[in-house]
Amino acid sequence: MNSDDFQTATDQFLKGLKRSAATIRAYRADLVHFQRWLLASSKDLDATALEAYFAAHEWAASTQNRKQTAIERFCRWARQHEQLEDDPTLHLERPTVPPPHPRGLRREEIERIFAVIPASQSRDALLFRLVFETGLRISEALNIHLDDLDLTKGDEHLTVLGKGGQRRTVLLDDPKLLNALRKYLRSLDYEHGPMFQAQKNGRGGPLRYQSVQERWQNYAAQAVVACTLHQLRHSHATELVNGGVSLGTIRKRLGHCHIQTTLRYAEVSDASADAELRKWRRGRK
């Protein structure tokens, strides 16, 4: 397909594209950029030209993925409409997009959400604080049984079943959390079974993730703080990193199988980095 045919086909493709206006604008910009490059390079649209096009531009992986998607969908359309004999994108390799850096919230923001939880909802308050202060996955927290707790004074901890059926011991070292936990346990009328139970029609049963997520989002909305339930875990990990806790300890705390997963949290804040550098500088004098 030569440059002139490419432009005509692009107009036809975009005209029939059933996507949002923003998506169509993005596709048009990416296809026009490619068409202009073909024209400037005196190349026709084929596999060799595509490889040369992406090799000539050092885009971020996410940008290349977006542009590649637009070109691939256009080529599939052109092939179906007999404007291309072969699909030149079939052998293109996708660049690997690194996972997004986990975003934790400041403790003040999390506490604002906790503040709107009614005193009558002690179960919710304890569940969410437990996740925040220990970095548990919400699924791990929901699966805690009362027998998993050891509240020996000065050595309070719990045992959780993590991913891959791996058990680990998690230290309970926050005074506010321990006070809330002991108060909650005194309010229960049972001594065995799931620690967090739903109350429906007078019968207790395990809490569902969807129900817990909805309740958290409702509290966050009341506090006017944008925070997903999983960000409680991220926030705990970020606090540990910024507090100078070793990655090995954080890995064990969070139940990561691989240290590479923990390394995603290692982007310390500017303030923490500055404080560490000042401490190092003072030590040299």
Protein backbone atom coordinates (compact mmCIF):
# COMPACT_ATOMS: atom_id res chain seq x y z
CA MET A 1 0.00 0.00 0.00
CA ASN A 2 1.51 3.34 -1.05
CA SER A 3 1.19 6.63 0.84
CA ASP A 4 -1.81 7.97 -1.12
CA ASP A 5 -3.75 4.74 -0.72
CA PHE A 6 -2.84 4.70 2.96
CA GLN A 7 -4.38 8.15 3.53
CA THR A 8 -7.61 7.23 1.73
CA ALA A 9 -7.90 3.95 3.60
CA THR A 10 -7.22 5.71 6.91
CA ASP A 11 -10.15 8.09 6.36
CA GLN A 12 -12.44 5.16 5.56
CA PHE A 13 -11.21 3.16 8.57
CA LEU A 14 -11.73 6.02 11.03
CA LYS A 15 -15.14 6.87 9.59
CA GLY A 16 -16.43 3.41 10.40
CA LEU A 17 -14.62 3.06 13.72
CA LYS A 18 -17.06 2.67 16.61
CA ARG A 19 -15.00 4.15 19.40
CA SER A 20 -15.09 7.26 21.54
CA ALA A 21 -14.20 10.60 19.97
CA ALA A 22 -10.98 10.70 22.03
CA THR A 23 -9.93 7.25 20.80
CA ILE A 24 -10.62 8.19 17.19
CA ARG A 25 -8.54 11.37 17.56
CA ALA A 26 -5.66 9.35 19.02
CA TYR A 27 -5.87 6.76 16.24
CA ARG A 28 -5.93 9.50 13.62
CA ALA A 29 -2.86 11.21 15.09
CA ASP A 30 -0.91 7.95 15.24
CA LEU A 31 -1.86 6.90 11.71
CA VAL A 32 -1.14 10.35 10.26
CA HIS A 33 2.27 10.33 11.92
CA PHE A 34 3.02 6.92 10.39
CA GLN A 35 1.70 7.99 6.97
CA ARG A 36 3.92 11.10 6.97
CA TRP A 37 6.94 9.00 7.91
CA LEU A 38 6.20 6.61 5.03
CA LEU A 39 5.99 9.58 2.67
CA ALA A 40 9.21 11.17 3.93
CA SER A 41 11.01 7.82 3.75
CA SER A 42 9.62 6.95 0.32
CA LYS A 43 8.35 3.64 1.67
CA ASP A 44 5.18 1.64 1.17
CA LEU A 45 3.28 0.01 4.00
CA ASP A 46 4.77 -3.43 4.53
CA ALA A 47 6.48 -5.43 7.28
CA THR A 48 9.93 -4.00 6.52
CA ALA A 49 8.67 -0.42 6.69
CA LEU A 50 6.92 -1.09 10.00
CA GLU A 51 10.06 -2.47 11.58
CA ALA A 52 12.06 0.51 10.33
CA TYR A 53 9.41 2.94 11.61
CA PHE A 54 9.50 1.66 15.19
CA ALA A 55 13.28 1.28 15.11
CA ALA A 56 13.61 4.95 14.09
CA HIS A 57 11.70 6.22 17.13
CA GLU A 58 12.69 5.71 20.77
CA TRP A 59 9.28 5.82 22.39
CA ALA A 60 8.37 4.66 25.85
CA ALA A 61 6.91 1.15 25.85
CA SER A 62 3.42 2.45 26.64
CA THR A 63 3.56 4.94 23.74
CA GLN A 64 4.78 2.33 21.27
CA ASN A 65 2.05 -0.06 22.42
CA ARG A 66 -0.59 2.58 21.76
CA LYS A 67 0.74 3.40 18.30
CA GLN A 68 1.15 -0.26 17.47
CA THR A 69 -2.45 -0.96 18.46
CA ALA A 70 -3.72 1.75 16.09
CA ILE A 71 -1.65 0.43 13.18
CA GLU A 72 -2.56 -3.21 13.88
CA ARG A 73 -6.29 -2.48 13.93
CA PHE A 74 -6.02 -0.43 10.77
CA CYS A 75 -4.12 -3.23 8.99
CA ARG A 76 -6.66 -5.84 10.07
CA TRP A 77 -9.44 -3.61 8.71
CA ALA A 78 -7.52 -3.06 5.43
CA ARG A 79 -6.94 -6.80 5.08
CA GLN A 80 -10.65 -7.55 5.61
CA HIS A 81 -11.56 -4.91 3.02
CA GLU A 82 -9.06 -6.32 0.52
CA GLN A 83 -6.89 -3.21 0.57
CA LEU A 84 -3.92 -5.22 1.80
CA GLU A 85 -2.91 -8.64 0.56
CA ASP A 86 -1.13 -9.54 3.80
CA ASP A 87 -1.16 -8.18 7.32
CA PRO A 88 2.31 -6.63 7.86
CA THR A 89 1.84 -6.40 11.64
CA LEU A 90 1.68 -10.14 12.32
CA HIS A 91 5.35 -10.44 13.23
CA LEU A 92 5.64 -7.24 15.25
CA GLU A 93 6.73 -7.82 18.84
CA ARG A 94 5.07 -5.93 21.66
CA PRO A 95 7.38 -4.04 24.02
CA THR A 96 7.10 -5.00 27.64
CA VAL A 97 5.33 -2.36 29.71
CA PRO A 98 6.65 -2.33 33.29
CA PRO A 99 3.98 -2.63 35.97
CA PRO A 100 2.86 0.71 37.42
CA HIS A 101 4.58 1.81 40.59
CA PRO A 102 2.25 1.12 43.54
CA ARG A 103 0.90 4.39 44.90
CA GLY A 104 0.53 4.66 48.62
CA LEU A 105 -1.32 7.42 50.45
CA ARG A 106 -0.09 9.46 53.37
CA ARG A 107 -1.18 8.33 56.83
CA GLU A 108 -3.15 11.56 57.30
CA GLU A 109 -5.30 10.75 54.28
CA ILE A 110 -5.99 7.20 55.47
CA GLU A 111 -6.88 8.46 58.97
CA ARG A 112 -9.39 10.86 57.41
CA ILE A 113 -11.24 7.87 55.99
CA PHE A 114 -11.08 5.96 59.28
CA ALA A 115 -12.56 9.00 61.02
CA VAL A 116 -15.86 8.76 59.12
CA ILE A 117 -16.46 5.10 60.03
CA PRO A 118 -19.24 5.10 62.67
CA ALA A 119 -18.42 3.76 66.11
CA SER A 120 -21.18 1.20 65.60
CA GLN A 121 -19.21 -0.31 62.70
CA SER A 122 -16.34 -1.67 64.79
CA ARG A 123 -15.92 -4.65 62.49
CA ASP A 124 -15.28 -2.39 59.48
CA ALA A 125 -12.96 -0.12 61.44
CA LEU A 126 -10.87 -3.05 62.66
CA LEU A 127 -10.73 -4.81 59.28
CA PHE A 128 -9.52 -1.76 57.38
CA ARG A 129 -7.03 -0.71 60.07
CA LEU A 130 -5.67 -4.24 60.19
CA VAL A 131 -4.99 -4.17 56.44
CA PHE A 132 -3.39 -0.72 56.69
CA GLU A 133 -1.18 -1.44 59.71
CA THR A 134 -0.01 -4.89 58.57
CA GLY A 135 -0.08 -4.74 54.76
CA LEU A 136 -2.27 -7.84 54.52
CA ARG A 137 -4.03 -8.63 51.27
CA ILE A 138 -7.75 -8.13 51.79
CA SER A 139 -8.34 -11.81 50.95
CA GLU A 140 -5.88 -12.78 53.71
CA ALA A 141 -7.65 -10.56 56.21
CA LEU A 142 -11.07 -11.97 55.36
CA ASN A 143 -9.79 -15.51 55.86
CA ILE A 144 -8.44 -14.92 59.37
CA HIS A 145 -9.94 -17.22 62.00
CA LEU A 146 -9.93 -16.49 65.70
CA ASP A 147 -7.62 -19.46 66.24
CA ASP A 148 -5.02 -17.70 64.04
CA LEU A 149 -4.51 -15.02 66.69
CA ASP A 150 -1.91 -15.09 69.46
CA LEU A 151 -2.36 -12.11 71.77
CA THR A 152 0.43 -12.93 74.21
CA LYS A 153 1.32 -9.62 75.84
CA GLY A 154 4.30 -8.07 74.07
CA ASP A 155 4.35 -10.70 71.33
CA GLU A 156 0.99 -10.26 69.62
CA HIS A 157 0.87 -11.78 66.15
CA LEU A 158 -1.35 -13.66 63.75
CA THR A 159 -0.83 -16.42 61.21
CA VAL A 160 -2.19 -15.89 57.70
CA LEU A 161 -2.53 -18.11 54.67
CA GLY A 162 -1.08 -16.24 51.70
CA LYS A 163 -0.69 -16.85 47.99
CA GLY A 164 0.39 -20.32 46.96
CA GLY A 165 -0.83 -21.75 50.27
CA GLN A 166 2.16 -20.24 52.10
CA ARG A 167 1.64 -19.45 55.77
CA ARG A 168 3.45 -16.58 57.44
CA THR A 169 3.42 -14.91 60.84
CA VAL A 170 2.56 -11.21 60.96
CA LEU A 171 3.53 -9.10 63.96
CA LEU A 172 0.77 -6.95 65.47
CA ASP A 173 2.76 -4.02 66.79
CA ASP A 174 0.50 -0.97 66.49
CA PRO A 175 -1.09 0.06 69.84
CA LYS A 176 -4.20 1.56 68.25
CA LEU A 177 -4.75 -1.61 66.23
CA LEU A 178 -4.26 -3.85 69.27
CA ASN A 179 -6.70 -1.82 71.35
CA ALA A 180 -9.33 -2.01 68.60
CA LEU A 181 -8.70 -5.74 68.18
CA ARG A 182 -9.12 -6.57 71.88
CA LYS A 183 -12.25 -4.44 72.12
CA TYR A 184 -13.72 -6.12 69.04
CA LEU A 185 -12.98 -9.61 70.35
CA ARG A 186 -14.76 -8.84 73.62
CA SER A 187 -17.88 -7.92 71.63
CA LEU A 188 -18.09 -11.26 69.81
CA ASP A 189 -20.45 -14.00 70.96
CA TYR A 190 -18.35 -16.80 69.47
CA GLU A 191 -14.82 -18.10 70.10
CA HIS A 192 -14.06 -19.97 66.88
CA GLY A 193 -14.55 -19.37 63.18
CA PRO A 194 -13.88 -16.39 60.90
CA MET A 195 -12.91 -13.24 62.76
CA PHE A 196 -14.86 -11.04 60.34
CA GLN A 197 -18.38 -12.31 59.77
CA ALA A 198 -21.31 -10.86 57.88
CA GLN A 199 -24.58 -10.50 59.74
CA LYS A 200 -27.44 -11.37 57.44
CA ASN A 201 -30.85 -12.51 58.63
CA GLY A 202 -29.32 -13.09 62.04
CA ARG A 203 -26.85 -15.63 60.71
CA GLY A 204 -23.12 -15.05 60.49
CA GLY A 205 -21.15 -15.98 57.40
CA PRO A 206 -17.86 -15.01 55.80
CA LEU A 207 -17.66 -11.47 54.45
CA ARG A 208 -17.51 -11.19 50.66
CA TYR A 209 -14.80 -9.14 49.00
CA GLN A 210 -17.31 -7.21 46.91
CA SER A 211 -19.28 -6.19 50.00
CA VAL A 212 -16.13 -5.05 51.81
CA GLN A 213 -14.94 -3.12 48.78
CA GLU A 214 -18.25 -1.30 48.46
CA ARG A 215 -18.20 -0.33 52.13
CA TRP A 216 -14.63 1.00 51.85
CA GLN A 217 -15.43 3.05 48.76
CA ASN A 218 -18.44 4.52 50.56
CA TYR A 219 -16.28 5.60 53.52
CA ALA A 220 -13.61 7.02 51.18
CA ALA A 221 -16.27 9.01 49.31
CA GLN A 222 -17.58 10.45 52.58
CA ALA A 223 -14.06 11.51 53.53
CA VAL A 224 -13.47 12.91 50.01
CA VAL A 225 -10.27 10.85 49.67
CA ALA A 226 -9.58 8.86 46.51
CA CYS A 227 -8.27 5.53 47.80
CA THR A 228 -8.88 1.98 46.66
CA LEU A 229 -8.97 -0.84 49.16
CA HIS A 230 -5.73 -2.31 47.79
CA GLN A 231 -3.97 1.02 48.33
CA LEU A 232 -4.09 0.37 52.07
CA ARG A 233 -1.52 -2.41 51.49
CA HIS A 234 0.52 -0.13 49.24
CA SER A 235 0.43 2.62 51.85
CA HIS A 236 1.78 0.30 54.55
CA ALA A 237 4.62 -0.84 52.29
CA THR A 238 5.47 2.76 51.41
CA GLU A 239 5.64 3.69 55.10
CA LEU A 240 8.05 0.83 55.75
CA VAL A 241 10.29 1.81 52.84
CA ASN A 242 10.34 5.46 53.84
CA GLY A 243 11.03 4.40 57.43
CA GLY A 244 14.21 2.61 56.40
CA VAL A 245 12.96 -0.97 56.90
CA SER A 246 14.99 -3.42 54.80
CA LEU A 247 13.48 -4.84 51.63
CA GLY A 248 14.00 -8.36 52.96
CA THR A 249 11.85 -7.59 56.02
CA ILE A 250 9.21 -5.88 53.88
CA ARG A 251 9.14 -8.88 51.54
CA LYS A 252 8.43 -11.21 54.48
CA ARG A 253 5.88 -8.83 55.96
CA LEU A 254 3.89 -8.60 52.71
CA GLY A 255 4.26 -12.25 51.76
CA HIS A 256 5.95 -11.63 48.41
CA CYS A 257 7.39 -14.72 46.74
CA HIS A 258 10.02 -12.71 44.87
CA ILE A 259 12.10 -9.71 45.96
CA GLN A 260 11.43 -8.13 42.53
CA THR A 261 7.84 -7.54 43.61
CA THR A 262 9.02 -5.77 46.75
CA LEU A 263 11.43 -3.63 44.74
CA ARG A 264 8.44 -1.88 43.18
CA TYR A 265 7.96 -0.11 46.52
CA ALA A 266 11.57 1.01 46.74
CA GLU A 267 10.96 4.43 45.17
CA VAL A 268 11.31 6.41 48.39
CA SER A 269 9.87 9.86 48.79
CA ASP A 270 11.99 12.96 48.09
CA ALA A 271 11.81 13.95 51.76
CA SER A 272 13.06 10.54 52.92
CA ALA A 273 15.84 10.54 50.33
CA ASP A 274 16.92 14.04 51.39
CA ALA A 275 16.91 13.05 55.08
CA GLU A 276 19.06 10.00 54.36
CA LEU A 277 21.58 12.07 52.37
CA ARG A 278 21.78 14.70 55.14
CA LYS A 279 22.39 11.96 57.71
CA TRP A 280 25.15 10.50 55.53
CA ARG A 281 26.72 13.94 55.04
CA ARG A 282 26.73 14.68 58.78
CA GLY A 283 28.37 11.32 59.42
CA ARG A 284 31.31 12.24 57.20
CA LYS A 285 32.14 15.42 59.10
